[in-house]
Amino acid sequence: MKFTLTLKLGNEAMNTALDVAKALRKAAHQLNTELGSTEITAIQDGFGHAIMDLNGNNVGSWQFDE
């Protein structure tokens, strides 16, 4: 099992280290919320979520994979 996080840089709302830090915090919050809101006993393959920038553009994702 592996955890993969991908961020695409270069658009208007994703071009500084601060933008990356905000996206990482958002991804951590999503992960905490997703796992905390359900009775997950084991991480499932393919479990993940898109990461959006402040303008609502998809700039990446996180996911658990085999």
PDB file of N, CA and C in Angstrom:
ATOM      1  N   MET A   1       0.848  -1.169   0.000  1.00  0.00           N
ATOM      2  CA  MET A   1       0.000   0.000   0.000  1.00  0.00           C
ATOM      3  C   MET A   1       0.894   1.233   0.000  1.00  0.00           C
ATOM      4  N   LYS A   2       0.510   2.245  -0.767  1.00  0.00           N
ATOM      5  CA  LYS A   2       1.250   3.498  -0.766  1.00  0.00           C
ATOM      6  C   LYS A   2       0.266   4.661  -0.760  1.00  0.00           C
ATOM      7  N   PHE A   3       0.737   5.799  -0.305  1.00  0.00           N
ATOM      8  CA  PHE A   3      -0.027   7.038  -0.305  1.00  0.00           C
ATOM      9  C   PHE A   3       0.640   7.964  -1.308  1.00  0.00           C
ATOM     10  N   THR A   4      -0.143   8.477  -2.265  1.00  0.00           N
ATOM     11  CA  THR A   4       0.391   9.361  -3.289  1.00  0.00           C
ATOM     12  C   THR A   4      -0.335  10.697  -3.224  1.00  0.00           C
ATOM     13  N   LEU A   5       0.442  11.769  -3.238  1.00  0.00           N
ATOM     14  CA  LEU A   5      -0.107  13.118  -3.290  1.00  0.00           C
ATOM     15  C   LEU A   5       0.550  13.823  -4.462  1.00  0.00           C
ATOM     16  N   THR A   6      -0.265  14.382  -5.348  1.00  0.00           N
ATOM     17  CA  THR A   6       0.241  15.069  -6.529  1.00  0.00           C
ATOM     18  C   THR A   6      -0.312  16.485  -6.551  1.00  0.00           C
ATOM     19  N   LEU A   7       0.566  17.461  -6.768  1.00  0.00           N
ATOM     20  CA  LEU A   7       0.154  18.858  -6.922  1.00  0.00           C
ATOM     21  C   LEU A   7       0.727  19.395  -8.224  1.00  0.00           C
ATOM     22  N   LYS A   8      -0.105  20.068  -9.004  1.00  0.00           N
ATOM     23  CA  LYS A   8       0.335  20.717 -10.241  1.00  0.00           C
ATOM     24  C   LYS A   8       0.575  22.190  -9.930  1.00  0.00           C
ATOM     25  N   LEU A   9       1.770  22.661 -10.195  1.00  0.00           N
ATOM     26  CA  LEU A   9       2.125  24.051  -9.941  1.00  0.00           C
ATOM     27  C   LEU A   9       2.066  24.860 -11.224  1.00  0.00           C
ATOM     28  N   GLY A  10       2.025  26.182 -11.072  1.00  0.00           N
ATOM     29  CA  GLY A  10       2.155  27.046 -12.231  1.00  0.00           C
ATOM     30  C   GLY A  10       0.942  27.892 -12.536  1.00  0.00           C
ATOM     31  N   ASN A  11      -0.245  27.530 -12.032  1.00  0.00           N
ATOM     32  CA  ASN A  11      -1.374  28.405 -12.330  1.00  0.00           C
ATOM     33  C   ASN A  11      -1.371  29.588 -11.356  1.00  0.00           C
ATOM     34  N   GLU A  12      -2.262  30.521 -11.544  1.00  0.00           N
ATOM     35  CA  GLU A  12      -2.275  31.769 -10.779  1.00  0.00           C
ATOM     36  C   GLU A  12      -2.367  31.554  -9.265  1.00  0.00           C
ATOM     37  N   ALA A  13      -3.112  30.543  -8.842  1.00  0.00           N
ATOM     38  CA  ALA A  13      -3.307  30.311  -7.413  1.00  0.00           C
ATOM     39  C   ALA A  13      -2.405  29.199  -6.861  1.00  0.00           C
ATOM     40  N   MET A  14      -1.431  28.757  -7.657  1.00  0.00           N
ATOM     41  CA  MET A  14      -0.551  27.677  -7.209  1.00  0.00           C
ATOM     42  C   MET A  14       0.848  27.901  -7.766  1.00  0.00           C
ATOM     43  N   ASN A  15       1.503  28.978  -7.298  1.00  0.00           N
ATOM     44  CA  ASN A  15       2.839  29.250  -7.829  1.00  0.00           C
ATOM     45  C   ASN A  15       3.844  29.689  -6.770  1.00  0.00           C
ATOM     46  N   THR A  16       3.482  29.605  -5.490  1.00  0.00           N
ATOM     47  CA  THR A  16       4.432  29.946  -4.430  1.00  0.00           C
ATOM     48  C   THR A  16       4.480  28.818  -3.407  1.00  0.00           C
ATOM     49  N   ALA A  17       5.503  28.865  -2.580  1.00  0.00           N
ATOM     50  CA  ALA A  17       5.618  27.869  -1.504  1.00  0.00           C
ATOM     51  C   ALA A  17       4.435  27.976  -0.543  1.00  0.00           C
ATOM     52  N   LEU A  18       3.935  29.183  -0.328  1.00  0.00           N
ATOM     53  CA  LEU A  18       2.771  29.362   0.539  1.00  0.00           C
ATOM     54  C   LEU A  18       1.529  28.690  -0.060  1.00  0.00           C
ATOM     55  N   ASP A  19       1.368  28.765  -1.375  1.00  0.00           N
ATOM     56  CA  ASP A  19       0.254  28.084  -2.050  1.00  0.00           C
ATOM     57  C   ASP A  19       0.347  26.580  -1.848  1.00  0.00           C
ATOM     58  N   VAL A  20       1.550  26.030  -1.961  1.00  0.00           N
ATOM     59  CA  VAL A  20       1.757  24.592  -1.750  1.00  0.00           C
ATOM     60  C   VAL A  20       1.421  24.227  -0.306  1.00  0.00           C
ATOM     61  N   ALA A  21       1.870  25.030   0.649  1.00  0.00           N
ATOM     62  CA  ALA A  21       1.583  24.761   2.064  1.00  0.00           C
ATOM     63  C   ALA A  21       0.084  24.759   2.328  1.00  0.00           C
ATOM     64  N   LYS A  22      -0.636  25.697   1.729  1.00  0.00           N
ATOM     65  CA  LYS A  22      -2.094  25.751   1.897  1.00  0.00           C
ATOM     66  C   LYS A  22      -2.749  24.500   1.323  1.00  0.00           C
ATOM     67  N   ALA A  23      -2.280  24.056   0.158  1.00  0.00           N
ATOM     68  CA  ALA A  23      -2.838  22.851  -0.468  1.00  0.00           C
ATOM     69  C   ALA A  23      -2.548  21.619   0.379  1.00  0.00           C
ATOM     70  N   LEU A  24      -1.363  21.548   0.970  1.00  0.00           N
ATOM     71  CA  LEU A  24      -1.025  20.408   1.840  1.00  0.00           C
ATOM     72  C   LEU A  24      -1.901  20.401   3.090  1.00  0.00           C
ATOM     73  N   ARG A  25      -2.126  21.576   3.674  1.00  0.00           N
ATOM     74  CA  ARG A  25      -3.012  21.647   4.846  1.00  0.00           C
ATOM     75  C   ARG A  25      -4.429  21.223   4.474  1.00  0.00           C
ATOM     76  N   LYS A  26      -4.889  21.655   3.297  1.00  0.00           N
ATOM     77  CA  LYS A  26      -6.226  21.284   2.842  1.00  0.00           C
ATOM     78  C   LYS A  26      -6.322  19.771   2.634  1.00  0.00           C
ATOM     79  N   ALA A  27      -5.282  19.178   2.036  1.00  0.00           N
ATOM     80  CA  ALA A  27      -5.272  17.731   1.822  1.00  0.00           C
ATOM     81  C   ALA A  27      -5.283  16.990   3.157  1.00  0.00           C
ATOM     82  N   ALA A  28      -4.514  17.473   4.131  1.00  0.00           N
ATOM     83  CA  ALA A  28      -4.491  16.840   5.453  1.00  0.00           C
ATOM     84  C   ALA A  28      -5.861  16.946   6.115  1.00  0.00           C
ATOM     85  N   HIS A  29      -6.517  18.093   5.958  1.00  0.00           N
ATOM     86  CA  HIS A  29      -7.852  18.270   6.525  1.00  0.00           C
ATOM     87  C   HIS A  29      -8.846  17.319   5.853  1.00  0.00           C
ATOM     88  N   GLN A  30      -8.770  17.197   4.525  1.00  0.00           N
ATOM     89  CA  GLN A  30      -9.649  16.277   3.809  1.00  0.00           C
ATOM     90  C   GLN A  30      -9.458  14.855   4.300  1.00  0.00           C
ATOM     91  N   LEU A  31      -8.209  14.451   4.424  1.00  0.00           N
ATOM     92  CA  LEU A  31      -7.905  13.093   4.866  1.00  0.00           C
ATOM     93  C   LEU A  31      -8.447  12.854   6.264  1.00  0.00           C
ATOM     94  N   ASN A  32      -8.228  13.791   7.162  1.00  0.00           N
ATOM     95  CA  ASN A  32      -8.718  13.672   8.530  1.00  0.00           C
ATOM     96  C   ASN A  32     -10.238  13.618   8.565  1.00  0.00           C
ATOM     97  N   THR A  33     -10.886  14.461   7.775  1.00  0.00           N
ATOM     98  CA  THR A  33     -12.348  14.507   7.730  1.00  0.00           C
ATOM     99  C   THR A  33     -12.917  13.229   7.140  1.00  0.00           C
ATOM    100  N   GLU A  34     -12.345  12.775   6.029  1.00  0.00           N
ATOM    101  CA  GLU A  34     -12.836  11.555   5.373  1.00  0.00           C
ATOM    102  C   GLU A  34     -12.713  10.345   6.296  1.00  0.00           C
ATOM    103  N   LEU A  35     -11.570  10.203   6.939  1.00  0.00           N
ATOM    104  CA  LEU A  35     -11.364   9.043   7.805  1.00  0.00           C
ATOM    105  C   LEU A  35     -12.137   9.175   9.100  1.00  0.00           C
ATOM    106  N   GLY A  36     -12.300  10.410   9.589  1.00  0.00           N
ATOM    107  CA  GLY A  36     -13.003  10.618  10.850  1.00  0.00           C
ATOM    108  C   GLY A  36     -14.501  10.528  10.735  1.00  0.00           C
ATOM    109  N   SER A  37     -15.044  10.702   9.523  1.00  0.00           N
ATOM    110  CA  SER A  37     -16.490  10.715   9.367  1.00  0.00           C
ATOM    111  C   SER A  37     -17.076   9.344   9.050  1.00  0.00           C
ATOM    112  N   THR A  38     -16.225   8.363   8.854  1.00  0.00           N
ATOM    113  CA  THR A  38     -16.718   7.019   8.530  1.00  0.00           C
ATOM    114  C   THR A  38     -16.060   5.999   9.453  1.00  0.00           C
ATOM    115  N   GLU A  39     -16.620   4.848   9.489  1.00  0.00           N
ATOM    116  CA  GLU A  39     -16.060   3.757  10.299  1.00  0.00           C
ATOM    117  C   GLU A  39     -15.129   2.906   9.435  1.00  0.00           C
ATOM    118  N   ILE A  40     -14.019   3.484   9.018  1.00  0.00           N
ATOM    119  CA  ILE A  40     -13.054   2.770   8.179  1.00  0.00           C
ATOM    120  C   ILE A  40     -12.109   1.995   9.096  1.00  0.00           C
ATOM    121  N   THR A  41     -12.083   0.686   8.944  1.00  0.00           N
ATOM    122  CA  THR A  41     -11.190  -0.131   9.757  1.00  0.00           C
ATOM    123  C   THR A  41      -9.883  -0.414   9.033  1.00  0.00           C
ATOM    124  N   ALA A  42      -9.897  -0.322   7.706  1.00  0.00           N
ATOM    125  CA  ALA A  42      -8.691  -0.530   6.916  1.00  0.00           C
ATOM    126  C   ALA A  42      -8.749   0.406   5.721  1.00  0.00           C
ATOM    127  N   ILE A  43      -7.614   0.941   5.332  1.00  0.00           N
ATOM    128  CA  ILE A  43      -7.556   1.836   4.179  1.00  0.00           C
ATOM    129  C   ILE A  43      -7.803   1.022   2.921  1.00  0.00           C
ATOM    130  N   GLN A  44      -8.707   1.491   2.099  1.00  0.00           N
ATOM    131  CA  GLN A  44      -9.070   0.772   0.889  1.00  0.00           C
ATOM    132  C   GLN A  44      -8.286   1.296  -0.312  1.00  0.00           C
ATOM    133  N   ASP A  45      -7.909   0.386  -1.206  1.00  0.00           N
ATOM    134  CA  ASP A  45      -7.236   0.762  -2.442  1.00  0.00           C
ATOM    135  C   ASP A  45      -8.130   1.714  -3.229  1.00  0.00           C
ATOM    136  N   GLY A  46      -7.562   2.794  -3.716  1.00  0.00           N
ATOM    137  CA  GLY A  46      -8.314   3.749  -4.506  1.00  0.00           C
ATOM    138  C   GLY A  46      -8.981   4.855  -3.702  1.00  0.00           C
ATOM    139  N   PHE A  47      -8.908   4.788  -2.376  1.00  0.00           N
ATOM    140  CA  PHE A  47      -9.502   5.823  -1.538  1.00  0.00           C
ATOM    141  C   PHE A  47      -8.711   7.105  -1.700  1.00  0.00           C
ATOM    142  N   GLY A  48      -9.359   8.198  -2.110  1.00  0.00           N
ATOM    143  CA  GLY A  48      -8.644   9.440  -2.332  1.00  0.00           C
ATOM    144  C   GLY A  48      -9.583  10.604  -2.557  1.00  0.00           C
ATOM    145  N   HIS A  49      -9.013  11.733  -2.927  1.00  0.00           N
ATOM    146  CA  HIS A  49      -9.795  12.959  -3.079  1.00  0.00           C
ATOM    147  C   HIS A  49      -9.020  13.944  -3.950  1.00  0.00           C
ATOM    148  N   ALA A  50      -9.738  14.756  -4.711  1.00  0.00           N
ATOM    149  CA  ALA A  50      -9.121  15.830  -5.501  1.00  0.00           C
ATOM    150  C   ALA A  50      -8.715  16.977  -4.580  1.00  0.00           C
ATOM    151  N   ILE A  51      -7.713  17.742  -4.983  1.00  0.00           N
ATOM    152  CA  ILE A  51      -7.274  18.934  -4.260  1.00  0.00           C
ATOM    153  C   ILE A  51      -7.546  20.134  -5.154  1.00  0.00           C
ATOM    154  N   MET A  52      -8.265  21.108  -4.617  1.00  0.00           N
ATOM    155  CA  MET A  52      -8.628  22.298  -5.372  1.00  0.00           C
ATOM    156  C   MET A  52      -7.848  23.503  -4.844  1.00  0.00           C
ATOM    157  N   ASP A  53      -7.506  24.430  -5.754  1.00  0.00           N
ATOM    158  CA  ASP A  53      -6.843  25.656  -5.314  1.00  0.00           C
ATOM    159  C   ASP A  53      -7.895  26.665  -4.829  1.00  0.00           C
ATOM    160  N   LEU A  54      -7.456  27.850  -4.439  1.00  0.00           N
ATOM    161  CA  LEU A  54      -8.369  28.855  -3.907  1.00  0.00           C
ATOM    162  C   LEU A  54      -9.376  29.349  -4.939  1.00  0.00           C
ATOM    163  N   ASN A  55      -9.066  29.177  -6.219  1.00  0.00           N
ATOM    164  CA  ASN A  55      -9.983  29.591  -7.281  1.00  0.00           C
ATOM    165  C   ASN A  55     -10.925  28.476  -7.709  1.00  0.00           C
ATOM    166  N   GLY A  56     -10.818  27.303  -7.071  1.00  0.00           N
ATOM    167  CA  GLY A  56     -11.688  26.180  -7.403  1.00  0.00           C
ATOM    168  C   GLY A  56     -11.192  25.298  -8.523  1.00  0.00           C
ATOM    169  N   ASN A  57      -9.945  25.492  -8.947  1.00  0.00           N
ATOM    170  CA  ASN A  57      -9.366  24.654  -9.994  1.00  0.00           C
ATOM    171  C   ASN A  57      -8.749  23.396  -9.384  1.00  0.00           C
ATOM    172  N   ASN A  58      -8.902  22.279 -10.078  1.00  0.00           N
ATOM    173  CA  ASN A  58      -8.282  21.032  -9.639  1.00  0.00           C
ATOM    174  C   ASN A  58      -6.772  21.130  -9.864  1.00  0.00           C
ATOM    175  N   VAL A  59      -5.995  21.035  -8.789  1.00  0.00           N
ATOM    176  CA  VAL A  59      -4.537  21.144  -8.893  1.00  0.00           C
ATOM    177  C   VAL A  59      -3.823  19.878  -8.436  1.00  0.00           C
ATOM    178  N   GLY A  60      -4.574  18.823  -8.169  1.00  0.00           N
ATOM    179  CA  GLY A  60      -3.928  17.587  -7.764  1.00  0.00           C
ATOM    180  C   GLY A  60      -4.881  16.656  -7.061  1.00  0.00           C
ATOM    181  N   SER A  61      -4.289  15.685  -6.385  1.00  0.00           N
ATOM    182  CA  SER A  61      -5.098  14.699  -5.660  1.00  0.00           C
ATOM    183  C   SER A  61      -4.225  13.938  -4.676  1.00  0.00           C
ATOM    184  N   TRP A  62      -4.890  13.264  -3.752  1.00  0.00           N
ATOM    185  CA  TRP A  62      -4.221  12.296  -2.887  1.00  0.00           C
ATOM    186  C   TRP A  62      -4.988  11.001  -2.976  1.00  0.00           C
ATOM    187  N   GLN A  63      -4.266   9.873  -2.801  1.00  0.00           N
ATOM    188  CA  GLN A  63      -4.904   8.582  -2.955  1.00  0.00           C
ATOM    189  C   GLN A  63      -4.052   7.480  -2.340  1.00  0.00           C
ATOM    190  N   PHE A  64      -4.741   6.464  -1.826  1.00  0.00           N
ATOM    191  CA  PHE A  64      -4.081   5.248  -1.369  1.00  0.00           C
ATOM    192  C   PHE A  64      -4.162   4.213  -2.492  1.00  0.00           C
ATOM    193  N   ASP A  65      -3.043   3.540  -2.764  1.00  0.00           N
ATOM    194  CA  ASP A  65      -2.985   2.530  -3.832  1.00  0.00           C
ATOM    195  C   ASP A  65      -2.210   1.309  -3.335  1.00  0.00           C
ATOM    196  N   GLU A  66      -2.476   0.214  -4.010  1.00  0.00           N
ATOM    197  CA  GLU A  66      -1.717  -1.016  -3.753  1.00  0.00           C
ATOM    198  C   GLU A  66      -0.315  -0.857  -4.253  1.00  0.00           C
TER     199      GLU A  66
END
